[in-house]
Amino acid sequence: MERGAQLFFDGLKQEMGPALQELSDLMEDAGPALQSFVAEMGPKLRDVLDRVEDWSVYEAPEVMPNGDIIIRRKPDAPELPDTMQPAPEGQIDL
């Protein structure tokens, strides 16, 4: 039984090796960009995550032609509590 498990894991490692190497290469390439993004946007994203209690009441993000990203509430979403009413123009600047 131990030998069977060893063969199984060896085969799995052999099959997954190339995919794991590609993932490692991708992370090596994307790592600096992700670190920069997190350093710059992390605090504001944390503020947004703290404010949103239920992501299921929002539509998928939409990228506008000018690069703005809009996340709209679904039309059938329940009303916001008074403490969470949108900014006067319905936008929050990050």
Protein backbone atom coordinates (compact mmCIF):
# COMPACT_ATOMS: atom_id res chain seq x y z
CA MET A 1 0.00 0.00 0.00
CA GLU A 2 2.85 2.37 0.84
CA ARG A 3 4.50 1.60 -2.50
CA GLY A 4 1.23 2.31 -4.32
CA ALA A 5 0.87 5.66 -2.61
CA GLN A 6 4.50 6.50 -3.45
CA LEU A 7 3.92 5.66 -7.13
CA PHE A 8 0.74 7.73 -7.15
CA PHE A 9 2.48 10.79 -5.72
CA ASP A 10 5.47 10.36 -8.03
CA GLY A 11 3.14 10.27 -11.02
CA LEU A 12 1.23 13.27 -9.74
CA LYS A 13 4.45 15.22 -9.25
CA GLN A 14 5.58 14.30 -12.76
CA GLU A 15 2.25 15.40 -14.27
CA MET A 16 2.01 18.62 -12.27
CA GLY A 17 5.68 19.60 -12.60
CA PRO A 18 5.38 21.60 -15.85
CA ALA A 19 2.23 23.41 -14.69
CA LEU A 20 3.81 24.30 -11.37
CA GLN A 21 6.93 25.57 -13.14
CA GLU A 22 4.78 27.76 -15.43
CA LEU A 23 2.96 29.13 -12.38
CA SER A 24 6.27 29.82 -10.69
CA ASP A 25 7.56 31.64 -13.79
CA LEU A 26 4.35 33.67 -14.03
CA MET A 27 4.57 34.71 -10.39
CA GLU A 28 8.21 35.66 -10.86
CA ASP A 29 7.25 37.91 -13.78
CA ALA A 30 4.10 39.34 -12.19
CA GLY A 31 5.45 39.62 -8.65
CA PRO A 32 6.87 43.16 -8.85
CA ALA A 33 3.75 44.50 -10.57
CA LEU A 34 1.50 42.86 -7.97
CA GLN A 35 3.59 44.25 -5.11
CA SER A 36 3.34 47.74 -6.60
CA PHE A 37 -0.42 47.36 -7.05
CA VAL A 38 -0.92 46.16 -3.49
CA ALA A 39 1.25 48.95 -2.07
CA GLU A 40 -0.63 51.61 -4.02
CA MET A 41 -4.19 50.31 -3.97
CA GLY A 42 -4.20 48.06 -0.91
CA PRO A 43 -5.37 50.61 1.66
CA LYS A 44 -8.22 51.88 -0.55
CA LEU A 45 -9.30 48.35 -1.47
CA ARG A 46 -9.31 47.47 2.22
CA ASP A 47 -11.64 50.44 2.84
CA VAL A 48 -14.00 49.18 0.13
CA LEU A 49 -13.90 45.62 1.49
CA ASP A 50 -14.69 46.94 4.99
CA ARG A 51 -17.71 48.85 3.68
CA VAL A 52 -19.25 46.05 1.60
CA GLU A 53 -20.99 43.41 3.67
CA ASP A 54 -22.56 41.36 0.86
CA TRP A 55 -20.89 41.21 -2.56
CA SER A 56 -23.83 39.24 -3.97
CA VAL A 57 -25.88 42.46 -4.25
CA TYR A 58 -23.40 43.91 -6.76
CA GLU A 59 -23.00 43.37 -10.50
CA ALA A 60 -19.68 42.25 -11.97
CA PRO A 61 -17.19 45.13 -12.37
CA GLU A 62 -17.47 47.02 -15.65
CA VAL A 63 -14.47 48.74 -17.25
CA MET A 64 -15.48 51.98 -18.95
CA PRO A 65 -13.81 53.24 -22.16
CA ASN A 66 -11.84 55.80 -20.15
CA GLY A 67 -10.49 53.08 -17.82
CA ASP A 68 -12.79 53.75 -14.86
CA ILE A 69 -14.09 50.65 -13.14
CA ILE A 70 -17.74 50.71 -12.10
CA ILE A 71 -19.28 48.25 -9.64
CA ARG A 72 -23.05 48.78 -9.66
CA ARG A 73 -25.55 47.51 -7.13
CA LYS A 74 -28.07 45.09 -8.59
CA PRO A 75 -31.48 46.66 -9.26
CA ASP A 76 -33.20 44.27 -6.84
CA ALA A 77 -30.66 44.81 -4.03
CA PRO A 78 -32.10 45.87 -0.66
CA GLU A 79 -31.84 49.52 0.36
CA LEU A 80 -28.59 50.70 1.89
CA PRO A 81 -28.56 51.65 5.57
CA ASP A 82 -28.39 55.43 6.15
CA THR A 83 -24.71 55.15 7.10
CA MET A 84 -23.90 53.64 3.70
CA GLN A 85 -25.70 56.01 1.35
CA PRO A 86 -23.69 56.79 -1.80
CA ALA A 87 -21.82 60.03 -2.38
CA PRO A 88 -23.94 62.86 -3.85
CA GLU A 89 -23.15 61.85 -7.43
CA GLY A 90 -23.33 58.12 -6.65
CA GLN A 91 -19.56 57.62 -6.92
CA ILE A 92 -16.76 56.97 -4.50
CA ASP A 93 -13.31 58.21 -5.46
CA LEU A 94 -10.57 55.80 -4.52
